[in-house]
């Protein structure tokens, strides 16, 4: 990765050609607000970008594929998470 930005950019472009990028829309923004409020009420701190990622996944009924443990903190079981390292 480090030291090979052109190669990494090519890998990312190839990946993006194979997946559908879902737009950030009004529903995602509404879920973000609800999620931010429920996290604050539960005393949970998530970074702004992590919260946006979580809200987008919830809004689109998607399962978030990640190894980042921060997403397990999302309250109320609202976010479906699958750790891509399990079963490897």
PDB file of N, CA and C in Angstrom:
ATOM      1  N   UNK A   1       0.832  -1.185   0.000  1.00  0.00           N
ATOM      2  CA  UNK A   1       0.000   0.000   0.000  1.00  0.00           C
ATOM      3  C   UNK A   1       0.870   1.240   0.000  1.00  0.00           C
ATOM      4  N   UNK A   2       1.616   1.415   1.069  1.00  0.00           N
ATOM      5  CA  UNK A   2       2.450   2.601   1.184  1.00  0.00           C
ATOM      6  C   UNK A   2       3.546   2.554   0.126  1.00  0.00           C
ATOM      7  N   UNK A   3       3.721   3.649  -0.567  1.00  0.00           N
ATOM      8  CA  UNK A   3       4.765   3.707  -1.569  1.00  0.00           C
ATOM      9  C   UNK A   3       4.317   3.293  -2.955  1.00  0.00           C
ATOM     10  N   UNK A   4       3.069   2.819  -3.090  1.00  0.00           N
ATOM     11  CA  UNK A   4       2.553   2.389  -4.393  1.00  0.00           C
ATOM     12  C   UNK A   4       1.146   2.958  -4.614  1.00  0.00           C
ATOM     13  N   UNK A   5       0.997   4.285  -4.547  1.00  0.00           N
ATOM     14  CA  UNK A   5      -0.349   4.860  -4.651  1.00  0.00           C
ATOM     15  C   UNK A   5      -1.039   4.579  -5.983  1.00  0.00           C
ATOM     16  N   UNK A   6      -0.301   4.527  -7.073  1.00  0.00           N
ATOM     17  CA  UNK A   6      -0.923   4.264  -8.375  1.00  0.00           C
ATOM     18  C   UNK A   6      -1.481   2.846  -8.427  1.00  0.00           C
ATOM     19  N   UNK A   7      -0.731   1.896  -7.891  1.00  0.00           N
ATOM     20  CA  UNK A   7      -1.190   0.504  -7.878  1.00  0.00           C
ATOM     21  C   UNK A   7      -2.433   0.363  -7.000  1.00  0.00           C
ATOM     22  N   UNK A   8      -2.422   1.018  -5.853  1.00  0.00           N
ATOM     23  CA  UNK A   8      -3.584   0.968  -4.960  1.00  0.00           C
ATOM     24  C   UNK A   8      -4.796   1.606  -5.630  1.00  0.00           C
ATOM     25  N   UNK A   9      -4.594   2.714  -6.300  1.00  0.00           N
ATOM     26  CA  UNK A   9      -5.698   3.377  -7.003  1.00  0.00           C
ATOM     27  C   UNK A   9      -6.294   2.452  -8.060  1.00  0.00           C
ATOM     28  N   UNK A  10      -5.457   1.705  -8.754  1.00  0.00           N
ATOM     29  CA  UNK A  10      -5.951   0.759  -9.762  1.00  0.00           C
ATOM     30  C   UNK A  10      -6.761  -0.367  -9.131  1.00  0.00           C
ATOM     31  N   UNK A  11      -6.295  -0.882  -8.007  1.00  0.00           N
ATOM     32  CA  UNK A  11      -7.021  -1.944  -7.301  1.00  0.00           C
ATOM     33  C   UNK A  11      -8.390  -1.426  -6.853  1.00  0.00           C
ATOM     34  N   UNK A  12      -8.420  -0.218  -6.334  1.00  0.00           N
ATOM     35  CA  UNK A  12      -9.687   0.369  -5.876  1.00  0.00           C
ATOM     36  C   UNK A  12     -10.635   0.572  -7.055  1.00  0.00           C
ATOM     37  N   UNK A  13     -10.121   1.082  -8.177  1.00  0.00           N
ATOM     38  CA  UNK A  13     -10.955   1.266  -9.367  1.00  0.00           C
ATOM     39  C   UNK A  13     -11.545  -0.068  -9.836  1.00  0.00           C
ATOM     40  N   UNK A  14     -10.722  -1.107  -9.855  1.00  0.00           N
ATOM     41  CA  UNK A  14     -11.193  -2.444 -10.256  1.00  0.00           C
ATOM     42  C   UNK A  14     -12.299  -2.933  -9.328  1.00  0.00           C
ATOM     43  N   UNK A  15     -12.104  -2.739  -8.029  1.00  0.00           N
ATOM     44  CA  UNK A  15     -13.110  -3.145  -7.051  1.00  0.00           C
ATOM     45  C   UNK A  15     -14.419  -2.398  -7.287  1.00  0.00           C
ATOM     46  N   UNK A  16     -14.335  -1.085  -7.473  1.00  0.00           N
ATOM     47  CA  UNK A  16     -15.540  -0.275  -7.628  1.00  0.00           C
ATOM     48  C   UNK A  16     -16.311  -0.596  -8.905  1.00  0.00           C
ATOM     49  N   UNK A  17     -15.641  -1.138  -9.890  1.00  0.00           N
ATOM     50  CA  UNK A  17     -16.332  -1.563 -11.109  1.00  0.00           C
ATOM     51  C   UNK A  17     -17.220  -2.782 -10.856  1.00  0.00           C
ATOM     52  N   UNK A  18     -16.946  -3.501  -9.784  1.00  0.00           N
ATOM     53  CA  UNK A  18     -17.652  -4.754  -9.496  1.00  0.00           C
ATOM     54  C   UNK A  18     -18.746  -4.626  -8.441  1.00  0.00           C
ATOM     55  N   UNK A  19     -18.861  -3.466  -7.834  1.00  0.00           N
ATOM     56  CA  UNK A  19     -19.866  -3.281  -6.785  1.00  0.00           C
ATOM     57  C   UNK A  19     -20.775  -2.099  -7.132  1.00  0.00           C
ATOM     58  N   UNK A  20     -21.938  -2.099  -6.530  1.00  0.00           N
ATOM     59  CA  UNK A  20     -22.863  -0.981  -6.705  1.00  0.00           C
ATOM     60  C   UNK A  20     -22.675  -0.017  -5.541  1.00  0.00           C
ATOM     61  N   UNK A  21     -22.349   1.223  -5.843  1.00  0.00           N
ATOM     62  CA  UNK A  21     -22.212   2.251  -4.807  1.00  0.00           C
ATOM     63  C   UNK A  21     -23.594   2.850  -4.558  1.00  0.00           C
ATOM     64  N   UNK A  22     -24.065   2.748  -3.330  1.00  0.00           N
ATOM     65  CA  UNK A  22     -25.390   3.260  -2.983  1.00  0.00           C
ATOM     66  C   UNK A  22     -25.278   4.720  -2.560  1.00  0.00           C
ATOM     67  N   UNK A  23     -26.203   5.561  -2.998  1.00  0.00           N
ATOM     68  CA  UNK A  23     -26.111   6.989  -2.689  1.00  0.00           C
ATOM     69  C   UNK A  23     -26.449   7.284  -1.228  1.00  0.00           C
ATOM     70  N   UNK A  24     -25.841   8.339  -0.718  1.00  0.00           N
ATOM     71  CA  UNK A  24     -26.221   8.872   0.589  1.00  0.00           C
ATOM     72  C   UNK A  24     -27.466   9.710   0.324  1.00  0.00           C
ATOM     73  N   UNK A  25     -28.581   9.318   0.924  1.00  0.00           N
ATOM     74  CA  UNK A  25     -29.833  10.008   0.635  1.00  0.00           C
ATOM     75  C   UNK A  25     -30.488  10.501   1.924  1.00  0.00           C
ATOM     76  N   UNK A  26     -31.708  11.004   1.780  1.00  0.00           N
ATOM     77  CA  UNK A  26     -32.429  11.547   2.928  1.00  0.00           C
ATOM     78  C   UNK A  26     -32.662  10.483   3.997  1.00  0.00           C
ATOM     79  N   UNK A  27     -32.952   9.270   3.589  1.00  0.00           N
ATOM     80  CA  UNK A  27     -33.166   8.177   4.562  1.00  0.00           C
ATOM     81  C   UNK A  27     -31.902   7.941   5.374  1.00  0.00           C
ATOM     82  N   UNK A  28     -30.749   7.900   4.715  1.00  0.00           N
ATOM     83  CA  UNK A  28     -29.484   7.702   5.422  1.00  0.00           C
ATOM     84  C   UNK A  28     -29.242   8.842   6.410  1.00  0.00           C
ATOM     85  N   UNK A  29     -29.557  10.060   5.998  1.00  0.00           N
ATOM     86  CA  UNK A  29     -29.374  11.211   6.887  1.00  0.00           C
ATOM     87  C   UNK A  29     -30.289  11.118   8.104  1.00  0.00           C
ATOM     88  N   UNK A  30     -31.529  10.673   7.896  1.00  0.00           N
ATOM     89  CA  UNK A  30     -32.465  10.517   9.014  1.00  0.00           C
ATOM     90  C   UNK A  30     -31.987   9.427   9.976  1.00  0.00           C
ATOM     91  N   UNK A  31     -31.533   8.313   9.432  1.00  0.00           N
ATOM     92  CA  UNK A  31     -31.015   7.229  10.270  1.00  0.00           C
ATOM     93  C   UNK A  31     -29.788   7.715  11.032  1.00  0.00           C
ATOM     94  N   UNK A  32     -28.942   8.513  10.379  1.00  0.00           N
ATOM     95  CA  UNK A  32     -27.764   9.067  11.047  1.00  0.00           C
ATOM     96  C   UNK A  32     -28.183   9.864  12.286  1.00  0.00           C
ATOM     97  N   UNK A  33     -29.182  10.728  12.129  1.00  0.00           N
ATOM     98  CA  UNK A  33     -29.652  11.523  13.264  1.00  0.00           C
ATOM     99  C   UNK A  33     -30.174  10.651  14.393  1.00  0.00           C
ATOM    100  N   UNK A  34     -30.968   9.646  14.053  1.00  0.00           N
ATOM    101  CA  UNK A  34     -31.503   8.726  15.064  1.00  0.00           C
ATOM    102  C   UNK A  34     -30.381   7.950  15.746  1.00  0.00           C
ATOM    103  N   UNK A  35     -29.432   7.485  14.941  1.00  0.00           N
ATOM    104  CA  UNK A  35     -28.315   6.710  15.477  1.00  0.00           C
ATOM    105  C   UNK A  35     -27.449   7.565  16.390  1.00  0.00           C
ATOM    106  N   UNK A  36     -27.203   8.789  15.970  1.00  0.00           N
ATOM    107  CA  UNK A  36     -26.392   9.692  16.793  1.00  0.00           C
ATOM    108  C   UNK A  36     -27.069   9.941  18.137  1.00  0.00           C
ATOM    109  N   UNK A  37     -28.382  10.140  18.110  1.00  0.00           N
ATOM    110  CA  UNK A  37     -29.129  10.373  19.349  1.00  0.00           C
ATOM    111  C   UNK A  37     -29.115   9.143  20.248  1.00  0.00           C
ATOM    112  N   UNK A  38     -29.306   7.959  19.675  1.00  0.00           N
ATOM    113  CA  UNK A  38     -29.323   6.746  20.506  1.00  0.00           C
ATOM    114  C   UNK A  38     -27.936   6.436  21.059  1.00  0.00           C
ATOM    115  N   UNK A  39     -26.898   6.721  20.296  1.00  0.00           N
ATOM    116  CA  UNK A  39     -25.534   6.521  20.804  1.00  0.00           C
ATOM    117  C   UNK A  39     -25.251   7.488  21.947  1.00  0.00           C
ATOM    118  N   UNK A  40     -25.645   8.745  21.780  1.00  0.00           N
ATOM    119  CA  UNK A  40     -25.429   9.740  22.832  1.00  0.00           C
ATOM    120  C   UNK A  40     -26.180   9.346  24.101  1.00  0.00           C
ATOM    121  N   UNK A  41     -27.417   8.881  23.957  1.00  0.00           N
ATOM    122  CA  UNK A  41     -28.220   8.479  25.115  1.00  0.00           C
ATOM    123  C   UNK A  41     -27.609   7.287  25.836  1.00  0.00           C
ATOM    124  N   UNK A  42     -26.938   6.417  25.083  1.00  0.00           N
ATOM    125  CA  UNK A  42     -26.319   5.225  25.669  1.00  0.00           C
ATOM    126  C   UNK A  42     -24.877   5.480  26.107  1.00  0.00           C
ATOM    127  N   UNK A  43     -24.384   6.706  25.900  1.00  0.00           N
ATOM    128  CA  UNK A  43     -23.008   7.025  26.275  1.00  0.00           C
ATOM    129  C   UNK A  43     -21.976   6.400  25.356  1.00  0.00           C
ATOM    130  N   UNK A  44     -22.368   6.123  24.128  1.00  0.00           N
ATOM    131  CA  UNK A  44     -21.480   5.482  23.150  1.00  0.00           C
ATOM    132  C   UNK A  44     -20.896   6.545  22.233  1.00  0.00           C
ATOM    133  N   UNK A  45     -19.586   6.495  22.051  1.00  0.00           N
ATOM    134  CA  UNK A  45     -18.914   7.432  21.164  1.00  0.00           C
ATOM    135  C   UNK A  45     -18.407   6.697  19.941  1.00  0.00           C
ATOM    136  N   UNK A  46     -18.900   7.102  18.782  1.00  0.00           N
ATOM    137  CA  UNK A  46     -18.400   6.610  17.498  1.00  0.00           C
ATOM    138  C   UNK A  46     -17.897   7.817  16.727  1.00  0.00           C
ATOM    139  N   UNK A  47     -16.850   7.635  15.954  1.00  0.00           N
ATOM    140  CA  UNK A  47     -16.379   8.712  15.098  1.00  0.00           C
ATOM    141  C   UNK A  47     -17.454   9.073  14.087  1.00  0.00           C
ATOM    142  N   UNK A  48     -17.425  10.306  13.600  1.00  0.00           N
ATOM    143  CA  UNK A  48     -18.447  10.784  12.666  1.00  0.00           C
ATOM    144  C   UNK A  48     -18.515   9.920  11.410  1.00  0.00           C
ATOM    145  N   UNK A  49     -17.371   9.553  10.853  1.00  0.00           N
ATOM    146  CA  UNK A  49     -17.386   8.737   9.635  1.00  0.00           C
ATOM    147  C   UNK A  49     -17.880   7.322   9.919  1.00  0.00           C
ATOM    148  N   UNK A  50     -17.492   6.748  11.059  1.00  0.00           N
ATOM    149  CA  UNK A  50     -18.004   5.425  11.426  1.00  0.00           C
ATOM    150  C   UNK A  50     -19.522   5.471  11.588  1.00  0.00           C
ATOM    151  N   UNK A  51     -20.013   6.554  12.186  1.00  0.00           N
ATOM    152  CA  UNK A  51     -21.453   6.674  12.376  1.00  0.00           C
ATOM    153  C   UNK A  51     -22.164   6.824  11.028  1.00  0.00           C
ATOM    154  N   UNK A  52     -21.548   7.543  10.094  1.00  0.00           N
ATOM    155  CA  UNK A  52     -22.138   7.675   8.757  1.00  0.00           C
ATOM    156  C   UNK A  52     -22.173   6.324   8.044  1.00  0.00           C
ATOM    157  N   UNK A  53     -21.102   5.558   8.176  1.00  0.00           N
ATOM    158  CA  UNK A  53     -21.044   4.227   7.561  1.00  0.00           C
ATOM    159  C   UNK A  53     -22.133   3.336   8.153  1.00  0.00           C
ATOM    160  N   UNK A  54     -22.251   3.350   9.479  1.00  0.00           N
ATOM    161  CA  UNK A  54     -23.270   2.536  10.149  1.00  0.00           C
ATOM    162  C   UNK A  54     -24.674   2.964   9.722  1.00  0.00           C
ATOM    163  N   UNK A  55     -24.923   4.263   9.689  1.00  0.00           N
ATOM    164  CA  UNK A  55     -26.241   4.769   9.306  1.00  0.00           C
ATOM    165  C   UNK A  55     -26.580   4.391   7.870  1.00  0.00           C
ATOM    166  N   UNK A  56     -25.606   4.466   7.001  1.00  0.00           N
ATOM    167  CA  UNK A  56     -25.838   4.119   5.595  1.00  0.00           C
ATOM    168  C   UNK A  56     -26.198   2.643   5.467  1.00  0.00           C
ATOM    169  N   UNK A  57     -25.493   1.792   6.198  1.00  0.00           N
ATOM    170  CA  UNK A  57     -25.798   0.357   6.168  1.00  0.00           C
ATOM    171  C   UNK A  57     -27.200   0.084   6.713  1.00  0.00           C
ATOM    172  N   UNK A  58     -27.548   0.722   7.820  1.00  0.00           N
ATOM    173  CA  UNK A  58     -28.884   0.529   8.401  1.00  0.00           C
ATOM    174  C   UNK A  58     -29.958   1.024   7.428  1.00  0.00           C
ATOM    175  N   UNK A  59     -29.750   2.190   6.844  1.00  0.00           N
ATOM    176  CA  UNK A  59     -30.741   2.789   5.945  1.00  0.00           C
ATOM    177  C   UNK A  59     -30.993   1.943   4.704  1.00  0.00           C
ATOM    178  N   UNK A  60     -29.985   1.210   4.276  1.00  0.00           N
ATOM    179  CA  UNK A  60     -30.122   0.399   3.061  1.00  0.00           C
ATOM    180  C   UNK A  60     -30.341  -1.080   3.375  1.00  0.00           C
ATOM    181  N   UNK A  61     -30.537  -1.391   4.664  1.00  0.00           N
ATOM    182  CA  UNK A  61     -30.718  -2.785   5.102  1.00  0.00           C
ATOM    183  C   UNK A  61     -29.561  -3.667   4.652  1.00  0.00           C
ATOM    184  N   UNK A  62     -28.366  -3.116   4.710  1.00  0.00           N
ATOM    185  CA  UNK A  62     -27.167  -3.843   4.298  1.00  0.00           C
ATOM    186  C   UNK A  62     -26.449  -4.406   5.518  1.00  0.00           C
ATOM    187  N   UNK A  63     -25.702  -5.460   5.302  1.00  0.00           N
ATOM    188  CA  UNK A  63     -24.811  -5.991   6.329  1.00  0.00           C
ATOM    189  C   UNK A  63     -23.454  -5.343   6.120  1.00  0.00           C
ATOM    190  N   UNK A  64     -22.903  -4.779   7.179  1.00  0.00           N
ATOM    191  CA  UNK A  64     -21.593  -4.141   7.108  1.00  0.00           C
ATOM    192  C   UNK A  64     -20.523  -5.206   7.297  1.00  0.00           C
ATOM    193  N   UNK A  65     -19.654  -5.346   6.320  1.00  0.00           N
ATOM    194  CA  UNK A  65     -18.559  -6.307   6.384  1.00  0.00           C
ATOM    195  C   UNK A  65     -17.327  -5.559   6.859  1.00  0.00           C
ATOM    196  N   UNK A  66     -16.879  -5.872   8.074  1.00  0.00           N
ATOM    197  CA  UNK A  66     -15.754  -5.141   8.661  1.00  0.00           C
ATOM    198  C   UNK A  66     -15.105  -5.964   9.764  1.00  0.00           C
ATOM    199  N   UNK A  67     -13.872  -5.631  10.056  1.00  0.00           N
ATOM    200  CA  UNK A  67     -13.173  -6.216  11.197  1.00  0.00           C
ATOM    201  C   UNK A  67     -13.060  -5.180  12.321  1.00  0.00           C
ATOM    202  N   UNK A  68     -13.611  -3.999  12.098  1.00  0.00           N
ATOM    203  CA  UNK A  68     -13.532  -2.901  13.063  1.00  0.00           C
ATOM    204  C   UNK A  68     -14.530  -3.143  14.198  1.00  0.00           C
ATOM    205  N   UNK A  69     -14.017  -3.341  15.388  1.00  0.00           N
ATOM    206  CA  UNK A  69     -14.852  -3.660  16.555  1.00  0.00           C
ATOM    207  C   UNK A  69     -15.734  -2.490  16.989  1.00  0.00           C
ATOM    208  N   UNK A  70     -15.425  -1.276  16.552  1.00  0.00           N
ATOM    209  CA  UNK A  70     -16.220  -0.110  16.945  1.00  0.00           C
ATOM    210  C   UNK A  70     -17.682  -0.266  16.542  1.00  0.00           C
ATOM    211  N   UNK A  71     -17.932  -0.950  15.431  1.00  0.00           N
ATOM    212  CA  UNK A  71     -19.302  -1.078  14.941  1.00  0.00           C
ATOM    213  C   UNK A  71     -20.152  -1.996  15.816  1.00  0.00           C
ATOM    214  N   UNK A  72     -19.516  -2.810  16.635  1.00  0.00           N
ATOM    215  CA  UNK A  72     -20.265  -3.653  17.572  1.00  0.00           C
ATOM    216  C   UNK A  72     -20.916  -2.808  18.666  1.00  0.00           C
ATOM    217  N   UNK A  73     -20.486  -1.557  18.812  1.00  0.00           N
ATOM    218  CA  UNK A  73     -21.034  -0.663  19.830  1.00  0.00           C
ATOM    219  C   UNK A  73     -22.380  -0.057  19.438  1.00  0.00           C
ATOM    220  N   UNK A  74     -22.752  -0.155  18.182  1.00  0.00           N
ATOM    221  CA  UNK A  74     -24.014   0.448  17.733  1.00  0.00           C
ATOM    222  C   UNK A  74     -25.157  -0.182  18.526  1.00  0.00           C
ATOM    223  N   UNK A  75     -25.964   0.656  19.199  1.00  0.00           N
ATOM    224  CA  UNK A  75     -26.994   0.125  20.100  1.00  0.00           C
ATOM    225  C   UNK A  75     -28.198  -0.485  19.387  1.00  0.00           C
ATOM    226  N   UNK A  76     -28.953  -1.236  20.160  1.00  0.00           N
ATOM    227  CA  UNK A  76     -30.259  -1.777  19.753  1.00  0.00           C
ATOM    228  C   UNK A  76     -30.200  -2.810  18.640  1.00  0.00           C
ATOM    229  N   UNK A  77     -29.030  -3.351  18.352  1.00  0.00           N
ATOM    230  CA  UNK A  77     -28.924  -4.347  17.294  1.00  0.00           C
ATOM    231  C   UNK A  77     -29.364  -3.818  15.939  1.00  0.00           C
ATOM    232  N   UNK A  78     -29.297  -2.502  15.770  1.00  0.00           N
ATOM    233  CA  UNK A  78     -29.772  -1.877  14.535  1.00  0.00           C
ATOM    234  C   UNK A  78     -28.889  -2.194  13.340  1.00  0.00           C
ATOM    235  N   UNK A  79     -27.623  -2.491  13.600  1.00  0.00           N
ATOM    236  CA  UNK A  79     -26.652  -2.683  12.526  1.00  0.00           C
ATOM    237  C   UNK A  79     -26.260  -4.151  12.421  1.00  0.00           C
ATOM    238  N   UNK A  80     -26.425  -4.716  11.238  1.00  0.00           N
ATOM    239  CA  UNK A  80     -25.964  -6.085  10.976  1.00  0.00           C
ATOM    240  C   UNK A  80     -24.492  -6.015  10.578  1.00  0.00           C
ATOM    241  N   UNK A  81     -23.645  -6.722  11.331  1.00  0.00           N
ATOM    242  CA  UNK A  81     -22.199  -6.694  11.087  1.00  0.00           C
ATOM    243  C   UNK A  81     -21.701  -8.111  10.882  1.00  0.00           C
ATOM    244  N   UNK A  82     -20.808  -8.265   9.923  1.00  0.00           N
ATOM    245  CA  UNK A  82     -20.157  -9.549   9.678  1.00  0.00           C
ATOM    246  C   UNK A  82     -18.657  -9.292   9.613  1.00  0.00           C
ATOM    247  N   UNK A  83     -17.898  -9.984  10.454  1.00  0.00           N
ATOM    248  CA  UNK A  83     -16.442  -9.830  10.485  1.00  0.00           C
ATOM    249  C   UNK A  83     -15.836 -10.705   9.394  1.00  0.00           C
ATOM    250  N   UNK A  84     -15.226 -10.066   8.421  1.00  0.00           N
ATOM    251  CA  UNK A  84     -14.679 -10.779   7.268  1.00  0.00           C
ATOM    252  C   UNK A  84     -13.514 -11.690   7.627  1.00  0.00           C
ATOM    253  N   UNK A  85     -12.925 -11.540   8.825  1.00  0.00           N
ATOM    254  CA  UNK A  85     -11.787 -12.388   9.198  1.00  0.00           C
ATOM    255  C   UNK A  85     -12.224 -13.715   9.800  1.00  0.00           C
ATOM    256  N   UNK A  86     -13.489 -13.819  10.203  1.00  0.00           N
ATOM    257  CA  UNK A  86     -13.967 -15.088  10.771  1.00  0.00           C
ATOM    258  C   UNK A  86     -14.105 -16.118   9.657  1.00  0.00           C
ATOM    259  N   UNK A  87     -13.636 -17.297   9.927  1.00  0.00           N
ATOM    260  CA  UNK A  87     -13.720 -18.367   8.943  1.00  0.00           C
ATOM    261  C   UNK A  87     -12.580 -18.383   7.948  1.00  0.00           C
ATOM    262  N   UNK A  88     -11.589 -17.546   8.181  1.00  0.00           N
ATOM    263  CA  UNK A  88     -10.440 -17.524   7.266  1.00  0.00           C
ATOM    264  C   UNK A  88      -9.427 -18.552   7.692  1.00  0.00           C
TER     265      UNK A  88
END
